[in-house]
Amino acid sequence: MEERSDHPLAAFFRAMGHRTWSRQGTLWIDAGRFSLVTIPCNVVISACRADLSRLLRDSGRLVALAIVADGTGVVSSDFWMRDHAYSLASLQRQFRQQVVRQGHRCTVRMVPWDELILCGLRVNQDTMERRGLKMHRCTTASGWAEVCRAAAAIPGLEATGCFVDGTLASFLVSWMVNADCHGLMMHRDSRFRATGAANVMVYEFTRMMLARPGVSGVTLGRGWFPAEPTIDRFKRHAGYVEEPLQLAVTLHPRWDGLLRSPRTHSFVRAADALSGHRFRLEDDLEVLRAAAHTSFMSDPDRR
């Protein structure tokens, strides 16, 4: 039976400008040019190919990425910190040096959403410009105020900020559900890159969350796909432990045959080369290849 009620985080992501779907007990949002992803991105869902095909038809998106209970897909990983003895000794050497050298300039604390309305806009604008994203809901005063008001109404959704000499340099949005703290997104202002503010914030955020009664672990989500080595390395150097998982990649049933075709892959590869890799089409090709490694228990070849 289709779910009628919205996922708790749906209003927040809609306020940011995403389209949302509440299915299989989780939230799905549009991501990139063609995809759907779950929020949190490392939640395990119970779904068959028919469920995901229906979702793709309803959404009009071409690809759905999720961790399914079937345990099918491409090899990926999940980044967790479950050790309540987490300390400076848990950090990779260079990461630790940044925290030790720059920590005196930084103040890390929870930031109320009404305060983030005022101090978070500049951080968003820098983040979106650096990533090449056009998200006016996050980069205009009225839009960002709407996002923060939506966030304030959601139980367990919080913002942690790192202030350098009194100015917000980065913030991390997290969601506490049951005994787990999920880091959902992190934005930073590149003007403060040399201060190590992002390093200090993740370290102190992790310690703060693990110190709360009843919290069993903190996660920064699954590995980026297609891979972004710098982002995954940052999490690893922050002391987070990679736990193996498989990421299922499902294609829209109407376009499945075409998107799996070697001719299509050759065309995408050629277009990527002609564009000077400006549109990162090779990433799209990696997603299409991954679909070949996804087969559900209900699929004929797994019976």
C-alpha atoms as a PDB file:
ATOM      1  CA  MET A   1       0.000   0.000   0.000  1.00  0.00           C
ATOM      2  CA  GLU A   2       1.314   3.470  -0.867  1.00  0.00           C
ATOM      3  CA  GLU A   3       2.234   5.675   2.082  1.00  0.00           C
ATOM      4  CA  ARG A   4      -0.086   8.616   2.590  1.00  0.00           C
ATOM      5  CA  SER A   5       1.829  10.593   5.216  1.00  0.00           C
ATOM      6  CA  ASP A   6       4.938  12.653   4.642  1.00  0.00           C
ATOM      7  CA  HIS A   7       8.297  11.598   5.997  1.00  0.00           C
ATOM      8  CA  PRO A   8       9.337  13.830   8.967  1.00  0.00           C
ATOM      9  CA  LEU A   9      12.087  15.479   6.889  1.00  0.00           C
ATOM     10  CA  ALA A  10       9.979  16.097   3.762  1.00  0.00           C
ATOM     11  CA  ALA A  11       8.997  19.683   4.613  1.00  0.00           C
ATOM     12  CA  PHE A  12      12.637  20.659   5.197  1.00  0.00           C
ATOM     13  CA  PHE A  13      13.860  19.357   1.848  1.00  0.00           C
ATOM     14  CA  ARG A  14      10.861  20.784   0.001  1.00  0.00           C
ATOM     15  CA  ALA A  15      11.648  24.168   1.530  1.00  0.00           C
ATOM     16  CA  MET A  16      15.159  23.826   0.078  1.00  0.00           C
ATOM     17  CA  GLY A  17      13.629  23.369  -3.371  1.00  0.00           C
ATOM     18  CA  HIS A  18      13.747  19.587  -3.733  1.00  0.00           C
ATOM     19  CA  ARG A  19      10.884  17.437  -4.923  1.00  0.00           C
ATOM     20  CA  THR A  20      10.127  14.738  -2.356  1.00  0.00           C
ATOM     21  CA  TRP A  21       8.458  11.324  -2.201  1.00  0.00           C
ATOM     22  CA  SER A  22       7.722   9.357   0.982  1.00  0.00           C
ATOM     23  CA  ARG A  23       7.934   5.678   0.068  1.00  0.00           C
ATOM     24  CA  GLN A  24       9.221   2.412   1.594  1.00  0.00           C
ATOM     25  CA  GLY A  25       9.407   4.033   5.017  1.00  0.00           C
ATOM     26  CA  THR A  26      11.933   6.655   3.946  1.00  0.00           C
ATOM     27  CA  LEU A  27      12.253   9.974   2.156  1.00  0.00           C
ATOM     28  CA  TRP A  28      13.371  10.257  -1.474  1.00  0.00           C
ATOM     29  CA  ILE A  29      14.567  13.501  -3.041  1.00  0.00           C
ATOM     30  CA  ASP A  30      15.708  14.494  -6.514  1.00  0.00           C
ATOM     31  CA  ALA A  31      19.488  14.680  -6.816  1.00  0.00           C
ATOM     32  CA  GLY A  32      21.675  15.778  -9.694  1.00  0.00           C
ATOM     33  CA  ARG A  33      20.306  15.746 -13.221  1.00  0.00           C
ATOM     34  CA  PHE A  34      18.428  12.449 -13.234  1.00  0.00           C
ATOM     35  CA  SER A  35      18.514  10.631  -9.887  1.00  0.00           C
ATOM     36  CA  LEU A  36      16.540   9.904  -6.741  1.00  0.00           C
ATOM     37  CA  VAL A  37      18.306   9.226  -3.440  1.00  0.00           C
ATOM     38  CA  THR A  38      17.121   8.313   0.039  1.00  0.00           C
ATOM     39  CA  ILE A  39      17.393  10.614   3.048  1.00  0.00           C
ATOM     40  CA  PRO A  40      19.243   9.645   5.158  1.00  0.00           C
ATOM     41  CA  CYS A  41      21.373   8.275   2.344  1.00  0.00           C
ATOM     42  CA  ASN A  42      22.498   5.217   4.324  1.00  0.00           C
ATOM     43  CA  VAL A  43      19.094   3.966   5.492  1.00  0.00           C
ATOM     44  CA  VAL A  44      18.335   0.331   4.586  1.00  0.00           C
ATOM     45  CA  ILE A  45      14.960  -0.084   2.885  1.00  0.00           C
ATOM     46  CA  SER A  46      12.789  -3.104   2.133  1.00  0.00           C
ATOM     47  CA  ALA A  47      11.888  -2.783  -1.528  1.00  0.00           C
ATOM     48  CA  CYS A  48      11.714  -4.904  -4.657  1.00  0.00           C
ATOM     49  CA  ARG A  49      12.377  -3.811  -8.222  1.00  0.00           C
ATOM     50  CA  ALA A  50       8.647  -3.249  -8.793  1.00  0.00           C
ATOM     51  CA  ASP A  51       8.515  -0.792  -5.866  1.00  0.00           C
ATOM     52  CA  LEU A  52      11.405   1.240  -7.229  1.00  0.00           C
ATOM     53  CA  SER A  53      10.109   1.068 -10.805  1.00  0.00           C
ATOM     54  CA  ARG A  54       6.793   2.489  -9.607  1.00  0.00           C
ATOM     55  CA  LEU A  55       8.608   5.274  -7.776  1.00  0.00           C
ATOM     56  CA  LEU A  56      10.614   6.128 -10.895  1.00  0.00           C
ATOM     57  CA  ARG A  57       7.478   6.218 -13.032  1.00  0.00           C
ATOM     58  CA  ASP A  58       5.730   8.500 -10.526  1.00  0.00           C
ATOM     59  CA  SER A  59       8.701  10.829 -10.173  1.00  0.00           C
ATOM     60  CA  GLY A  60       9.807  10.912 -13.798  1.00  0.00           C
ATOM     61  CA  ARG A  61      13.425  10.436 -12.723  1.00  0.00           C
ATOM     62  CA  LEU A  62      15.720   7.977 -14.509  1.00  0.00           C
ATOM     63  CA  VAL A  63      17.707   6.394 -11.668  1.00  0.00           C
ATOM     64  CA  ALA A  64      17.041   5.436  -8.028  1.00  0.00           C
ATOM     65  CA  LEU A  65      19.943   4.812  -5.633  1.00  0.00           C
ATOM     66  CA  ALA A  66      19.351   3.072  -2.317  1.00  0.00           C
ATOM     67  CA  ILE A  67      20.623   0.462   0.111  1.00  0.00           C
ATOM     68  CA  VAL A  68      18.105  -2.378  -0.060  1.00  0.00           C
ATOM     69  CA  ALA A  69      17.641  -5.285   2.318  1.00  0.00           C
ATOM     70  CA  ASP A  70      18.343  -7.670  -0.595  1.00  0.00           C
ATOM     71  CA  GLY A  71      22.028  -6.779  -0.319  1.00  0.00           C
ATOM     72  CA  THR A  72      22.440  -6.205  -4.035  1.00  0.00           C
ATOM     73  CA  GLY A  73      24.333  -3.579  -6.005  1.00  0.00           C
ATOM     74  CA  VAL A  74      27.818  -2.113  -6.174  1.00  0.00           C
ATOM     75  CA  VAL A  75      30.268  -2.136  -3.293  1.00  0.00           C
ATOM     76  CA  SER A  76      30.148   1.018  -1.170  1.00  0.00           C
ATOM     77  CA  SER A  77      30.652   1.947   2.466  1.00  0.00           C
ATOM     78  CA  ASP A  78      29.006   3.672   5.391  1.00  0.00           C
ATOM     79  CA  PHE A  79      30.893   6.091   7.688  1.00  0.00           C
ATOM     80  CA  TRP A  80      30.159   5.651  11.413  1.00  0.00           C
ATOM     81  CA  MET A  81      31.634   6.578  14.756  1.00  0.00           C
ATOM     82  CA  ARG A  82      30.335   4.281  17.492  1.00  0.00           C
ATOM     83  CA  ASP A  83      33.286   4.539  19.891  1.00  0.00           C
ATOM     84  CA  HIS A  84      32.292   6.650  22.919  1.00  0.00           C
ATOM     85  CA  ALA A  85      35.994   7.061  23.706  1.00  0.00           C
ATOM     86  CA  TYR A  86      36.359   9.175  20.531  1.00  0.00           C
ATOM     87  CA  SER A  87      39.133  11.724  21.088  1.00  0.00           C
ATOM     88  CA  LEU A  88      42.042  13.471  19.392  1.00  0.00           C
ATOM     89  CA  ALA A  89      43.771  10.092  19.274  1.00  0.00           C
ATOM     90  CA  SER A  90      41.011   8.877  16.918  1.00  0.00           C
ATOM     91  CA  LEU A  91      41.998  11.392  14.228  1.00  0.00           C
ATOM     92  CA  GLN A  92      44.452  11.009  11.364  1.00  0.00           C
ATOM     93  CA  ARG A  93      47.649  12.945  12.101  1.00  0.00           C
ATOM     94  CA  GLN A  94      47.151  15.940   9.771  1.00  0.00           C
ATOM     95  CA  PHE A  95      43.478  16.233  10.703  1.00  0.00           C
ATOM     96  CA  ARG A  96      44.464  16.206  14.384  1.00  0.00           C
ATOM     97  CA  GLN A  97      47.105  18.887  13.811  1.00  0.00           C
ATOM     98  CA  GLN A  98      44.476  21.178  12.262  1.00  0.00           C
ATOM     99  CA  VAL A  99      42.184  20.698  15.252  1.00  0.00           C
ATOM    100  CA  VAL A 100      44.961  21.320  17.772  1.00  0.00           C
ATOM    101  CA  ARG A 101      46.477  24.333  15.975  1.00  0.00           C
ATOM    102  CA  GLN A 102      43.247  26.092  15.042  1.00  0.00           C
ATOM    103  CA  GLY A 103      40.902  25.036  17.821  1.00  0.00           C
ATOM    104  CA  HIS A 104      41.617  28.095  19.959  1.00  0.00           C
ATOM    105  CA  ARG A 105      40.066  30.347  17.295  1.00  0.00           C
ATOM    106  CA  CYS A 106      36.957  28.219  16.904  1.00  0.00           C
ATOM    107  CA  THR A 107      33.781  27.931  18.951  1.00  0.00           C
ATOM    108  CA  VAL A 108      31.538  24.969  18.121  1.00  0.00           C
ATOM    109  CA  ARG A 109      27.985  24.969  19.443  1.00  0.00           C
ATOM    110  CA  MET A 110      24.396  24.222  18.581  1.00  0.00           C
ATOM    111  CA  VAL A 111      22.885  27.061  16.525  1.00  0.00           C
ATOM    112  CA  PRO A 112      19.144  27.772  16.944  1.00  0.00           C
ATOM    113  CA  TRP A 113      17.335  27.931  13.635  1.00  0.00           C
ATOM    114  CA  ASP A 114      16.246  31.539  14.156  1.00  0.00           C
ATOM    115  CA  GLU A 115      19.917  32.464  14.594  1.00  0.00           C
ATOM    116  CA  LEU A 116      20.956  30.437  11.535  1.00  0.00           C
ATOM    117  CA  ILE A 117      18.496  32.482   9.448  1.00  0.00           C
ATOM    118  CA  LEU A 118      20.777  35.464  10.032  1.00  0.00           C
ATOM    119  CA  CYS A 119      24.266  33.970  10.053  1.00  0.00           C
ATOM    120  CA  GLY A 120      23.924  31.003   7.672  1.00  0.00           C
ATOM    121  CA  LEU A 121      23.123  32.814   4.434  1.00  0.00           C
ATOM    122  CA  ARG A 122      26.702  33.837   3.593  1.00  0.00           C
ATOM    123  CA  VAL A 123      27.922  30.275   4.209  1.00  0.00           C
ATOM    124  CA  ASN A 124      25.221  28.923   1.884  1.00  0.00           C
ATOM    125  CA  GLN A 125      26.013  31.396  -0.866  1.00  0.00           C
ATOM    126  CA  ASP A 126      29.683  30.440  -0.856  1.00  0.00           C
ATOM    127  CA  THR A 127      28.889  26.717  -0.752  1.00  0.00           C
ATOM    128  CA  MET A 128      26.448  26.848  -3.658  1.00  0.00           C
ATOM    129  CA  GLU A 129      28.744  28.993  -5.779  1.00  0.00           C
ATOM    130  CA  ARG A 130      31.654  26.618  -5.167  1.00  0.00           C
ATOM    131  CA  ARG A 131      29.554  23.577  -6.064  1.00  0.00           C
ATOM    132  CA  GLY A 132      27.994  25.230  -9.100  1.00  0.00           C
ATOM    133  CA  LEU A 133      24.458  24.832  -7.742  1.00  0.00           C
ATOM    134  CA  LYS A 134      21.592  27.230  -8.329  1.00  0.00           C
ATOM    135  CA  MET A 135      19.446  26.830  -5.193  1.00  0.00           C
ATOM    136  CA  HIS A 136      17.830  30.200  -4.599  1.00  0.00           C
ATOM    137  CA  ARG A 137      15.977  28.864  -1.553  1.00  0.00           C
ATOM    138  CA  CYS A 138      19.353  28.606   0.189  1.00  0.00           C
ATOM    139  CA  THR A 139      20.969  31.730  -1.232  1.00  0.00           C
ATOM    140  CA  THR A 140      18.285  34.399  -0.797  1.00  0.00           C
ATOM    141  CA  ALA A 141      17.260  35.843   2.552  1.00  0.00           C
ATOM    142  CA  SER A 142      13.567  35.034   2.134  1.00  0.00           C
ATOM    143  CA  GLY A 143      14.213  31.509   0.862  1.00  0.00           C
ATOM    144  CA  TRP A 144      16.688  30.649   3.604  1.00  0.00           C
ATOM    145  CA  ALA A 145      14.330  31.978   6.261  1.00  0.00           C
ATOM    146  CA  GLU A 146      11.650  29.621   4.933  1.00  0.00           C
ATOM    147  CA  VAL A 147      14.086  26.681   5.096  1.00  0.00           C
ATOM    148  CA  CYS A 148      15.018  27.436   8.710  1.00  0.00           C
ATOM    149  CA  ARG A 149      11.409  27.871   9.792  1.00  0.00           C
ATOM    150  CA  ALA A 150      10.561  24.482   8.277  1.00  0.00           C
ATOM    151  CA  ALA A 151      13.560  22.923  10.049  1.00  0.00           C
ATOM    152  CA  ALA A 152      12.574  24.389  13.418  1.00  0.00           C
ATOM    153  CA  ALA A 153       9.290  22.476  13.326  1.00  0.00           C
ATOM    154  CA  ILE A 154      10.934  19.043  12.871  1.00  0.00           C
ATOM    155  CA  PRO A 155      11.799  17.099  16.048  1.00  0.00           C
ATOM    156  CA  GLY A 156      15.434  16.003  16.206  1.00  0.00           C
ATOM    157  CA  LEU A 157      16.630  18.222  13.349  1.00  0.00           C
ATOM    158  CA  GLU A 158      19.479  20.418  14.563  1.00  0.00           C
ATOM    159  CA  ALA A 159      22.300  22.638  13.330  1.00  0.00           C
ATOM    160  CA  THR A 160      25.813  22.697  14.748  1.00  0.00           C
ATOM    161  CA  GLY A 161      28.026  25.628  13.803  1.00  0.00           C
ATOM    162  CA  CYS A 162      31.699  26.504  13.970  1.00  0.00           C
ATOM    163  CA  PHE A 163      32.399  30.195  14.609  1.00  0.00           C
ATOM    164  CA  VAL A 164      35.839  31.646  13.879  1.00  0.00           C
ATOM    165  CA  ASP A 165      36.505  34.847  15.804  1.00  0.00           C
ATOM    166  CA  GLY A 166      32.739  35.203  16.193  1.00  0.00           C
ATOM    167  CA  THR A 167      31.755  34.643  12.517  1.00  0.00           C
ATOM    168  CA  LEU A 168      30.016  31.476  11.328  1.00  0.00           C
ATOM    169  CA  ALA A 169      32.473  29.565   9.134  1.00  0.00           C
ATOM    170  CA  SER A 170      30.616  26.268   8.672  1.00  0.00           C
ATOM    171  CA  PHE A 171      27.553  24.424   9.873  1.00  0.00           C
ATOM    172  CA  LEU A 172      26.312  20.855   9.875  1.00  0.00           C
ATOM    173  CA  VAL A 173      22.663  19.779   9.852  1.00  0.00           C
ATOM    174  CA  SER A 174      21.911  16.548  11.721  1.00  0.00           C
ATOM    175  CA  TRP A 175      18.866  14.490  12.546  1.00  0.00           C
ATOM    176  CA  MET A 176      18.525  12.415  15.675  1.00  0.00           C
ATOM    177  CA  VAL A 177      16.328   9.350  15.235  1.00  0.00           C
ATOM    178  CA  ASN A 178      16.104   6.535  17.774  1.00  0.00           C
ATOM    179  CA  ALA A 179      19.680   6.111  19.076  1.00  0.00           C
ATOM    180  CA  ASP A 180      21.476   7.329  15.945  1.00  0.00           C
ATOM    181  CA  CYS A 181      22.615  10.782  14.908  1.00  0.00           C
ATOM    182  CA  HIS A 182      22.646  11.268  11.126  1.00  0.00           C
ATOM    183  CA  GLY A 183      24.769  14.047   9.678  1.00  0.00           C
ATOM    184  CA  LEU A 184      22.714  15.145   6.664  1.00  0.00           C
ATOM    185  CA  MET A 185      24.653  18.034   5.135  1.00  0.00           C
ATOM    186  CA  MET A 186      27.592  20.319   5.796  1.00  0.00           C
ATOM    187  CA  HIS A 187      28.112  23.787   4.336  1.00  0.00           C
ATOM    188  CA  ARG A 188      31.258  25.881   4.735  1.00  0.00           C
ATOM    189  CA  ASP A 189      32.534  29.318   3.786  1.00  0.00           C
ATOM    190  CA  SER A 190      35.766  28.996   1.788  1.00  0.00           C
ATOM    191  CA  ARG A 191      37.075  32.246   3.273  1.00  0.00           C
ATOM    192  CA  PHE A 192      37.820  30.222   6.414  1.00  0.00           C
ATOM    193  CA  ARG A 193      39.421  27.235   4.748  1.00  0.00           C
ATOM    194  CA  ALA A 194      42.857  27.953   6.201  1.00  0.00           C
ATOM    195  CA  THR A 195      41.427  28.006   9.728  1.00  0.00           C
ATOM    196  CA  GLY A 196      40.525  24.310   9.710  1.00  0.00           C
ATOM    197  CA  ALA A 197      36.995  25.236  10.806  1.00  0.00           C
ATOM    198  CA  ALA A 198      35.414  22.212   9.081  1.00  0.00           C
ATOM    199  CA  ASN A 199      37.859  19.863  10.828  1.00  0.00           C
ATOM    200  CA  VAL A 200      37.223  21.396  14.231  1.00  0.00           C
ATOM    201  CA  MET A 201      33.468  21.375  13.709  1.00  0.00           C
ATOM    202  CA  VAL A 202      33.221  17.694  12.726  1.00  0.00           C
ATOM    203  CA  TYR A 203      35.458  16.670  15.628  1.00  0.00           C
ATOM    204  CA  GLU A 204      33.547  18.657  18.245  1.00  0.00           C
ATOM    205  CA  PHE A 205      30.164  17.777  16.743  1.00  0.00           C
ATOM    206  CA  THR A 206      30.993  14.072  16.994  1.00  0.00           C
ATOM    207  CA  ARG A 207      32.128  14.399  20.610  1.00  0.00           C
ATOM    208  CA  MET A 208      29.038  16.399  21.542  1.00  0.00           C
ATOM    209  CA  MET A 209      26.645  13.879  20.026  1.00  0.00           C
ATOM    210  CA  LEU A 210      28.352  10.830  21.523  1.00  0.00           C
ATOM    211  CA  ALA A 211      28.227  12.508  24.942  1.00  0.00           C
ATOM    212  CA  ARG A 212      24.426  12.606  24.850  1.00  0.00           C
ATOM    213  CA  PRO A 213      22.687   9.921  26.904  1.00  0.00           C
ATOM    214  CA  GLY A 214      21.296   7.084  24.793  1.00  0.00           C
ATOM    215  CA  VAL A 215      23.185   7.897  21.589  1.00  0.00           C
ATOM    216  CA  SER A 216      24.734   4.737  20.142  1.00  0.00           C
ATOM    217  CA  GLY A 217      26.500   6.242  17.135  1.00  0.00           C
ATOM    218  CA  VAL A 218      27.028   9.125  14.741  1.00  0.00           C
ATOM    219  CA  THR A 219      27.101   8.722  10.965  1.00  0.00           C
ATOM    220  CA  LEU A 220      28.240  11.010   8.172  1.00  0.00           C
ATOM    221  CA  GLY A 221      26.427   8.892   5.590  1.00  0.00           C
ATOM    222  CA  ARG A 222      27.572   6.486   2.915  1.00  0.00           C
ATOM    223  CA  GLY A 223      30.460   6.929   0.559  1.00  0.00           C
ATOM    224  CA  TRP A 224      29.819   9.354  -2.289  1.00  0.00           C
ATOM    225  CA  PHE A 225      28.664   7.784  -5.562  1.00  0.00           C
ATOM    226  CA  PRO A 226      30.089   8.313  -8.072  1.00  0.00           C
ATOM    227  CA  ALA A 227      33.141   8.522  -5.882  1.00  0.00           C
ATOM    228  CA  GLU A 228      34.406  11.827  -4.503  1.00  0.00           C
ATOM    229  CA  PRO A 229      37.721  10.727  -2.934  1.00  0.00           C
ATOM    230  CA  THR A 230      38.300  14.049  -1.157  1.00  0.00           C
ATOM    231  CA  ILE A 231      34.994  13.886   0.718  1.00  0.00           C
ATOM    232  CA  ASP A 232      35.406  10.242   1.733  1.00  0.00           C
ATOM    233  CA  ARG A 233      39.003  10.880   2.803  1.00  0.00           C
ATOM    234  CA  PHE A 234      37.861  13.772   5.014  1.00  0.00           C
ATOM    235  CA  LYS A 235      35.434  11.478   6.849  1.00  0.00           C
ATOM    236  CA  ARG A 236      38.074   8.776   7.196  1.00  0.00           C
ATOM    237  CA  HIS A 237      40.637  11.230   8.545  1.00  0.00           C
ATOM    238  CA  ALA A 238      38.054  12.472  11.062  1.00  0.00           C
ATOM    239  CA  GLY A 239      38.238   8.992  12.577  1.00  0.00           C
ATOM    240  CA  TYR A 240      35.032   7.602  11.124  1.00  0.00           C
ATOM    241  CA  VAL A 241      35.041   3.887  10.392  1.00  0.00           C
ATOM    242  CA  GLU A 242      33.930   2.518   7.024  1.00  0.00           C
ATOM    243  CA  GLU A 243      31.320  -0.222   7.283  1.00  0.00           C
ATOM    244  CA  PRO A 244      30.785  -2.145   4.013  1.00  0.00           C
ATOM    245  CA  LEU A 245      27.456  -2.062   2.203  1.00  0.00           C
ATOM    246  CA  GLN A 246      26.034  -2.442  -1.288  1.00  0.00           C
ATOM    247  CA  LEU A 247      24.306   0.327  -3.175  1.00  0.00           C
ATOM    248  CA  ALA A 248      21.463  -0.708  -5.479  1.00  0.00           C
ATOM    249  CA  VAL A 249      21.055   1.278  -8.695  1.00  0.00           C
ATOM    250  CA  THR A 250      17.672   0.898 -10.418  1.00  0.00           C
ATOM    251  CA  LEU A 251      16.809   2.354 -13.839  1.00  0.00           C
ATOM    252  CA  HIS A 252      13.446   3.644 -15.033  1.00  0.00           C
ATOM    253  CA  PRO A 253      11.709   0.630 -16.633  1.00  0.00           C
ATOM    254  CA  ARG A 254      10.806   2.524 -19.799  1.00  0.00           C
ATOM    255  CA  TRP A 255      14.427   3.454 -20.465  1.00  0.00           C
ATOM    256  CA  ASP A 256      16.189   0.485 -18.875  1.00  0.00           C
ATOM    257  CA  GLY A 257      17.123  -1.234 -22.124  1.00  0.00           C
ATOM    258  CA  LEU A 258      18.369   1.945 -23.793  1.00  0.00           C
ATOM    259  CA  LEU A 259      20.372   3.062 -20.743  1.00  0.00           C
ATOM    260  CA  ARG A 260      22.076  -0.334 -20.474  1.00  0.00           C
ATOM    261  CA  SER A 261      22.993  -0.424 -24.173  1.00  0.00           C
ATOM    262  CA  PRO A 262      26.721  -0.413 -25.022  1.00  0.00           C
ATOM    263  CA  ARG A 263      25.899   2.033 -27.837  1.00  0.00           C
ATOM    264  CA  THR A 264      24.431   4.465 -25.326  1.00  0.00           C
ATOM    265  CA  HIS A 265      27.499   4.122 -23.132  1.00  0.00           C
ATOM    266  CA  SER A 266      29.770   4.794 -26.121  1.00  0.00           C
ATOM    267  CA  PHE A 267      27.742   7.882 -27.014  1.00  0.00           C
ATOM    268  CA  VAL A 268      27.957   9.234 -23.446  1.00  0.00           C
ATOM    269  CA  ARG A 269      31.701   8.585 -23.362  1.00  0.00           C
ATOM    270  CA  ALA A 270      32.212  10.420 -26.668  1.00  0.00           C
ATOM    271  CA  ALA A 271      30.038  13.356 -25.586  1.00  0.00           C
ATOM    272  CA  ASP A 272      32.010  13.620 -22.355  1.00  0.00           C
ATOM    273  CA  ALA A 273      35.289  13.795 -24.279  1.00  0.00           C
ATOM    274  CA  LEU A 274      33.937  16.371 -26.761  1.00  0.00           C
ATOM    275  CA  SER A 275      32.757  18.612 -23.914  1.00  0.00           C
ATOM    276  CA  GLY A 276      36.171  18.472 -22.268  1.00  0.00           C
ATOM    277  CA  HIS A 277      34.541  16.624 -19.331  1.00  0.00           C
ATOM    278  CA  ARG A 278      32.797  19.882 -18.440  1.00  0.00           C
ATOM    279  CA  PHE A 279      29.494  18.158 -17.611  1.00  0.00           C
ATOM    280  CA  ARG A 280      31.050  15.136 -15.853  1.00  0.00           C
ATOM    281  CA  LEU A 281      29.116  12.721 -18.056  1.00  0.00           C
ATOM    282  CA  GLU A 282      31.526   9.968 -17.048  1.00  0.00           C
ATOM    283  CA  ASP A 283      29.850  10.076 -13.627  1.00  0.00           C
ATOM    284  CA  ASP A 284      26.508   9.370 -15.290  1.00  0.00           C
ATOM    285  CA  LEU A 285      28.103   6.483 -17.152  1.00  0.00           C
ATOM    286  CA  GLU A 286      29.401   5.024 -13.880  1.00  0.00           C
ATOM    287  CA  VAL A 287      25.854   5.070 -12.524  1.00  0.00           C
ATOM    288  CA  LEU A 288      24.575   3.238 -15.614  1.00  0.00           C
ATOM    289  CA  ARG A 289      27.287   0.604 -15.284  1.00  0.00           C
ATOM    290  CA  ALA A 290      26.363   0.088 -11.635  1.00  0.00           C
ATOM    291  CA  ALA A 291      22.802  -0.854 -12.625  1.00  0.00           C
ATOM    292  CA  ALA A 292      24.211  -4.021 -14.196  1.00  0.00           C
ATOM    293  CA  HIS A 293      25.332  -5.141 -10.732  1.00  0.00           C
ATOM    294  CA  THR A 294      21.887  -4.725  -9.176  1.00  0.00           C
ATOM    295  CA  SER A 295      19.533  -7.717  -9.176  1.00  0.00           C
ATOM    296  CA  PHE A 296      16.708  -8.302  -6.703  1.00  0.00           C
ATOM    297  CA  MET A 297      15.600 -11.635  -5.237  1.00  0.00           C
ATOM    298  CA  SER A 298      12.463 -11.393  -7.385  1.00  0.00           C
ATOM    299  CA  ASP A 299      14.520 -11.054 -10.584  1.00  0.00           C
ATOM    300  CA  PRO A 300      14.533 -14.162 -12.816  1.00  0.00           C
ATOM    301  CA  ASP A 301      18.306 -14.631 -12.580  1.00  0.00           C
ATOM    302  CA  ARG A 302      18.196 -14.795  -8.782  1.00  0.00           C
ATOM    303  CA  ARG A 303      15.386 -17.313  -8.370  1.00  0.00           C
END
